[in-house]
N, C-alpha and C. Protein backbone atom coordinates (compact mmCIF):
# COMPACT_ATOMS: atom_id res chain seq x y z
N MET A 1 -129.25 -111.79 -138.14
CA MET A 1 -129.25 -111.09 -139.40
C MET A 1 -130.37 -111.63 -140.30
N LYS A 2 -130.54 -112.95 -140.30
CA LYS A 2 -131.58 -113.57 -141.10
C LYS A 2 -132.97 -113.17 -140.60
N LYS A 3 -133.09 -113.03 -139.28
CA LYS A 3 -134.37 -112.68 -138.69
C LYS A 3 -134.79 -111.26 -139.07
N ASN A 4 -133.83 -110.36 -139.19
CA ASN A 4 -134.14 -108.97 -139.49
C ASN A 4 -134.31 -108.68 -140.97
N SER A 5 -133.94 -109.61 -141.83
CA SER A 5 -134.05 -109.37 -143.27
C SER A 5 -135.49 -109.56 -143.72
N LYS A 6 -135.88 -108.74 -144.69
CA LYS A 6 -137.23 -108.82 -145.23
C LYS A 6 -137.17 -109.42 -146.61
N THR A 7 -137.99 -110.42 -146.85
CA THR A 7 -138.02 -111.02 -148.18
C THR A 7 -138.95 -110.18 -149.06
N VAL A 8 -138.46 -109.85 -150.24
CA VAL A 8 -139.25 -109.08 -151.18
C VAL A 8 -139.86 -110.04 -152.18
N THR A 9 -141.19 -110.01 -152.27
CA THR A 9 -141.86 -110.88 -153.21
C THR A 9 -142.30 -110.07 -154.42
N LEU A 10 -142.51 -110.75 -155.51
CA LEU A 10 -142.94 -110.10 -156.75
C LEU A 10 -144.41 -110.40 -156.96
N LYS A 11 -145.22 -109.36 -156.89
CA LYS A 11 -146.66 -109.49 -157.14
C LYS A 11 -146.92 -109.09 -158.59
N GLU A 12 -148.04 -109.52 -159.15
CA GLU A 12 -148.34 -109.20 -160.54
C GLU A 12 -149.73 -108.62 -160.67
N THR A 13 -149.83 -107.53 -161.44
CA THR A 13 -151.10 -106.92 -161.78
C THR A 13 -151.27 -107.05 -163.28
N GLN A 14 -152.37 -107.65 -163.70
CA GLN A 14 -152.63 -107.80 -165.12
C GLN A 14 -153.65 -106.78 -165.58
N LEU A 15 -153.27 -106.04 -166.60
CA LEU A 15 -154.15 -105.05 -167.20
C LEU A 15 -154.50 -105.50 -168.61
N SER A 16 -155.38 -104.78 -169.26
CA SER A 16 -155.67 -105.04 -170.66
C SER A 16 -155.64 -103.72 -171.42
N VAL A 17 -155.56 -103.83 -172.72
CA VAL A 17 -155.51 -102.63 -173.55
C VAL A 17 -156.81 -101.85 -173.43
N THR A 18 -157.93 -102.55 -173.26
CA THR A 18 -159.24 -101.92 -173.24
C THR A 18 -159.79 -101.75 -171.82
N ILE A 19 -158.90 -101.61 -170.83
CA ILE A 19 -159.35 -101.51 -169.43
C ILE A 19 -160.11 -100.20 -169.21
N ASP A 20 -161.15 -100.28 -168.40
CA ASP A 20 -161.98 -99.11 -168.10
C ASP A 20 -161.42 -98.39 -166.87
N THR A 21 -161.84 -97.17 -166.65
CA THR A 21 -161.31 -96.33 -165.59
C THR A 21 -161.50 -96.95 -164.21
N HIS A 22 -162.69 -97.44 -163.92
CA HIS A 22 -162.95 -97.99 -162.59
C HIS A 22 -162.12 -99.25 -162.34
N ASP A 23 -162.04 -100.10 -163.34
CA ASP A 23 -161.26 -101.33 -163.19
C ASP A 23 -159.78 -101.00 -162.95
N LYS A 24 -159.29 -99.99 -163.66
CA LYS A 24 -157.90 -99.59 -163.48
C LYS A 24 -157.68 -99.02 -162.09
N ASN A 25 -158.64 -98.27 -161.57
CA ASN A 25 -158.51 -97.69 -160.24
C ASN A 25 -158.51 -98.77 -159.16
N VAL A 26 -159.29 -99.83 -159.34
CA VAL A 26 -159.32 -100.94 -158.38
C VAL A 26 -157.95 -101.62 -158.35
N LYS A 27 -157.39 -101.88 -159.53
CA LYS A 27 -156.08 -102.53 -159.60
C LYS A 27 -154.98 -101.60 -159.11
N LEU A 28 -155.13 -100.31 -159.33
CA LEU A 28 -154.15 -99.34 -158.85
C LEU A 28 -154.13 -99.31 -157.32
N LYS A 29 -155.29 -99.35 -156.69
CA LYS A 29 -155.38 -99.33 -155.23
C LYS A 29 -154.70 -100.55 -154.63
N ARG A 30 -154.91 -101.72 -155.25
CA ARG A 30 -154.28 -102.95 -154.77
C ARG A 30 -152.77 -102.90 -154.98
N THR A 31 -152.35 -102.37 -156.11
CA THR A 31 -150.92 -102.26 -156.41
C THR A 31 -150.22 -101.32 -155.43
N LEU A 32 -150.84 -100.20 -155.11
CA LEU A 32 -150.24 -99.26 -154.15
C LEU A 32 -150.13 -99.89 -152.77
N ALA A 33 -151.09 -100.71 -152.40
CA ALA A 33 -151.02 -101.41 -151.11
C ALA A 33 -149.83 -102.37 -151.09
N TRP A 34 -149.59 -103.06 -152.19
CA TRP A 34 -148.45 -103.97 -152.27
C TRP A 34 -147.13 -103.20 -152.18
N LEU A 35 -147.07 -102.05 -152.84
CA LEU A 35 -145.84 -101.25 -152.80
C LEU A 35 -145.57 -100.73 -151.38
N GLU A 36 -146.64 -100.36 -150.67
CA GLU A 36 -146.48 -99.89 -149.29
C GLU A 36 -145.98 -101.01 -148.38
N GLU A 37 -146.36 -102.25 -148.69
CA GLU A 37 -145.89 -103.40 -147.90
C GLU A 37 -144.43 -103.72 -148.18
N GLY A 38 -143.90 -103.17 -149.27
CA GLY A 38 -142.50 -103.41 -149.60
C GLY A 38 -142.29 -104.45 -150.68
N ASN A 39 -143.34 -104.81 -151.39
CA ASN A 39 -143.23 -105.81 -152.46
C ASN A 39 -143.00 -105.14 -153.81
N LYS A 40 -142.31 -105.85 -154.69
CA LYS A 40 -142.18 -105.39 -156.06
C LYS A 40 -143.44 -105.79 -156.81
N VAL A 41 -143.79 -105.00 -157.84
CA VAL A 41 -145.00 -105.29 -158.60
C VAL A 41 -144.66 -105.35 -160.09
N LYS A 42 -145.10 -106.42 -160.71
CA LYS A 42 -144.94 -106.60 -162.15
C LYS A 42 -146.27 -106.27 -162.80
N ILE A 43 -146.26 -105.33 -163.76
CA ILE A 43 -147.48 -104.95 -164.46
C ILE A 43 -147.41 -105.60 -165.84
N ALA A 44 -148.45 -106.33 -166.19
CA ALA A 44 -148.45 -107.08 -167.44
C ALA A 44 -149.71 -106.79 -168.26
N ILE A 45 -149.51 -106.65 -169.55
CA ILE A 45 -150.62 -106.56 -170.49
C ILE A 45 -150.42 -107.66 -171.52
N ARG A 46 -151.38 -108.56 -171.61
CA ARG A 46 -151.30 -109.64 -172.59
C ARG A 46 -152.13 -109.23 -173.82
N PHE A 47 -151.48 -109.23 -174.97
CA PHE A 47 -152.15 -108.86 -176.21
C PHE A 47 -152.78 -110.09 -176.83
N ARG A 48 -154.01 -109.94 -177.28
CA ARG A 48 -154.74 -111.05 -177.89
C ARG A 48 -155.11 -110.68 -179.32
N GLY A 49 -154.92 -111.61 -180.22
CA GLY A 49 -155.38 -111.45 -181.60
C GLY A 49 -154.91 -110.17 -182.26
N ARG A 50 -155.85 -109.37 -182.68
CA ARG A 50 -155.54 -108.14 -183.42
C ARG A 50 -154.98 -107.02 -182.55
N GLN A 51 -155.00 -107.21 -181.26
CA GLN A 51 -154.41 -106.19 -180.37
C GLN A 51 -152.92 -106.07 -180.60
N MET A 52 -152.29 -107.08 -181.19
CA MET A 52 -150.85 -107.03 -181.47
C MET A 52 -150.51 -105.88 -182.41
N ALA A 53 -151.48 -105.45 -183.21
CA ALA A 53 -151.25 -104.34 -184.14
C ALA A 53 -151.27 -102.99 -183.44
N HIS A 54 -151.70 -102.96 -182.18
CA HIS A 54 -151.84 -101.69 -181.44
C HIS A 54 -151.00 -101.70 -180.17
N MET A 55 -149.71 -101.96 -180.32
CA MET A 55 -148.78 -101.97 -179.18
C MET A 55 -148.73 -100.61 -178.49
N ASP A 56 -148.89 -99.54 -179.28
CA ASP A 56 -148.80 -98.20 -178.72
C ASP A 56 -149.89 -97.95 -177.67
N LEU A 57 -151.07 -98.52 -177.85
CA LEU A 57 -152.14 -98.35 -176.86
C LEU A 57 -151.78 -99.06 -175.55
N GLY A 58 -151.20 -100.23 -175.64
CA GLY A 58 -150.78 -100.96 -174.44
C GLY A 58 -149.67 -100.23 -173.71
N LYS A 59 -148.74 -99.69 -174.47
CA LYS A 59 -147.63 -98.93 -173.86
C LYS A 59 -148.17 -97.71 -173.13
N LYS A 60 -149.17 -97.05 -173.70
CA LYS A 60 -149.77 -95.87 -173.07
C LYS A 60 -150.47 -96.26 -171.76
N VAL A 61 -151.16 -97.40 -171.74
CA VAL A 61 -151.86 -97.87 -170.53
C VAL A 61 -150.84 -98.14 -169.42
N ILE A 62 -149.73 -98.81 -169.76
CA ILE A 62 -148.71 -99.11 -168.75
C ILE A 62 -148.04 -97.82 -168.27
N ASP A 63 -147.72 -96.91 -169.18
CA ASP A 63 -147.06 -95.66 -168.79
C ASP A 63 -147.96 -94.83 -167.87
N ASP A 64 -149.26 -94.78 -168.14
CA ASP A 64 -150.19 -94.06 -167.27
C ASP A 64 -150.26 -94.71 -165.89
N PHE A 65 -150.30 -96.04 -165.86
CA PHE A 65 -150.38 -96.79 -164.61
C PHE A 65 -149.12 -96.56 -163.77
N VAL A 66 -147.96 -96.60 -164.42
CA VAL A 66 -146.69 -96.38 -163.71
C VAL A 66 -146.61 -94.95 -163.19
N ALA A 67 -147.11 -93.99 -163.96
CA ALA A 67 -147.10 -92.58 -163.53
C ALA A 67 -147.95 -92.39 -162.27
N GLU A 68 -149.06 -93.11 -162.18
CA GLU A 68 -149.92 -93.00 -161.00
C GLU A 68 -149.30 -93.69 -159.78
N CYS A 69 -148.39 -94.63 -160.00
CA CYS A 69 -147.71 -95.32 -158.91
C CYS A 69 -146.43 -94.61 -158.48
N ALA A 70 -146.07 -93.51 -159.14
CA ALA A 70 -144.78 -92.85 -158.93
C ALA A 70 -144.57 -92.39 -157.49
N GLU A 71 -145.64 -92.09 -156.77
CA GLU A 71 -145.51 -91.61 -155.39
C GLU A 71 -144.99 -92.71 -154.45
N PHE A 72 -145.33 -93.96 -154.74
CA PHE A 72 -144.98 -95.07 -153.85
C PHE A 72 -143.87 -95.96 -154.39
N GLY A 73 -143.58 -95.88 -155.69
CA GLY A 73 -142.59 -96.78 -156.26
C GLY A 73 -141.81 -96.16 -157.39
N THR A 74 -140.69 -96.79 -157.74
CA THR A 74 -139.87 -96.34 -158.85
C THR A 74 -139.80 -97.46 -159.88
N VAL A 75 -139.61 -97.10 -161.12
CA VAL A 75 -139.55 -98.08 -162.20
C VAL A 75 -138.22 -98.81 -162.14
N GLU A 76 -138.28 -100.11 -161.97
CA GLU A 76 -137.07 -100.92 -161.94
C GLU A 76 -136.71 -101.36 -163.36
N SER A 77 -137.71 -101.77 -164.12
CA SER A 77 -137.48 -102.06 -165.54
C SER A 77 -138.65 -101.48 -166.34
N PRO A 78 -138.36 -100.68 -167.34
CA PRO A 78 -139.43 -100.05 -168.12
C PRO A 78 -140.18 -101.09 -168.97
N ALA A 79 -141.27 -100.65 -169.57
CA ALA A 79 -142.12 -101.55 -170.35
C ALA A 79 -141.34 -102.14 -171.52
N LYS A 80 -141.38 -103.48 -171.59
CA LYS A 80 -140.75 -104.15 -172.73
C LYS A 80 -141.60 -105.35 -173.13
N LEU A 81 -141.53 -105.70 -174.40
CA LEU A 81 -142.35 -106.75 -174.96
C LEU A 81 -141.63 -108.09 -174.88
N GLU A 82 -142.31 -109.08 -174.32
CA GLU A 82 -141.79 -110.45 -174.24
C GLU A 82 -142.85 -111.36 -174.84
N GLY A 83 -142.69 -111.70 -176.10
CA GLY A 83 -143.71 -112.51 -176.78
C GLY A 83 -144.95 -111.68 -177.02
N ARG A 84 -146.05 -112.08 -176.43
CA ARG A 84 -147.31 -111.33 -176.56
C ARG A 84 -147.62 -110.50 -175.31
N THR A 85 -146.68 -110.45 -174.38
CA THR A 85 -146.91 -109.76 -173.11
C THR A 85 -145.99 -108.56 -172.97
N LEU A 86 -146.56 -107.42 -172.65
CA LEU A 86 -145.81 -106.20 -172.37
C LEU A 86 -145.72 -106.06 -170.86
N THR A 87 -144.50 -106.02 -170.31
CA THR A 87 -144.34 -106.00 -168.86
C THR A 87 -143.45 -104.86 -168.40
N ALA A 88 -143.70 -104.41 -167.19
CA ALA A 88 -142.87 -103.42 -166.50
C ALA A 88 -142.83 -103.82 -165.03
N ILE A 89 -141.73 -103.47 -164.36
CA ILE A 89 -141.59 -103.82 -162.93
C ILE A 89 -141.38 -102.54 -162.13
N ILE A 90 -142.14 -102.42 -161.04
CA ILE A 90 -142.03 -101.26 -160.14
C ILE A 90 -141.53 -101.76 -158.79
N ALA A 91 -140.51 -101.09 -158.27
CA ALA A 91 -139.97 -101.42 -156.96
C ALA A 91 -140.43 -100.36 -155.96
N PRO A 92 -140.64 -100.74 -154.70
CA PRO A 92 -141.08 -99.76 -153.71
C PRO A 92 -139.97 -98.74 -153.44
N LYS A 93 -140.38 -97.51 -153.08
CA LYS A 93 -139.40 -96.48 -152.75
C LYS A 93 -138.76 -96.79 -151.42
N LYS A 94 -137.50 -96.45 -151.30
CA LYS A 94 -136.78 -96.66 -150.04
C LYS A 94 -137.23 -95.61 -149.05
N LYS A 95 -137.33 -96.01 -147.80
CA LYS A 95 -137.75 -95.06 -146.75
C LYS A 95 -136.58 -94.50 -146.03
């Protein structure tokens, strides 16, 4: 039973509020590969300085990223703020 069980690891993708399209696509490709392997993925945006005043922009970046991952994963915990970091967790879809 132990031999047949698969350990699920938690990988992390860090984004920023000001991420560009190409950079986001590179991180999206890596995240989708992790989801296909069966790993959970934590998406994090760390707010620096005055970015704390623009939480809505960070939330929009995470929501767009999660929407693009919807084919391979489901949202386990939606975006929530922990200190200066906005995080969301995506679990792989069951086959």
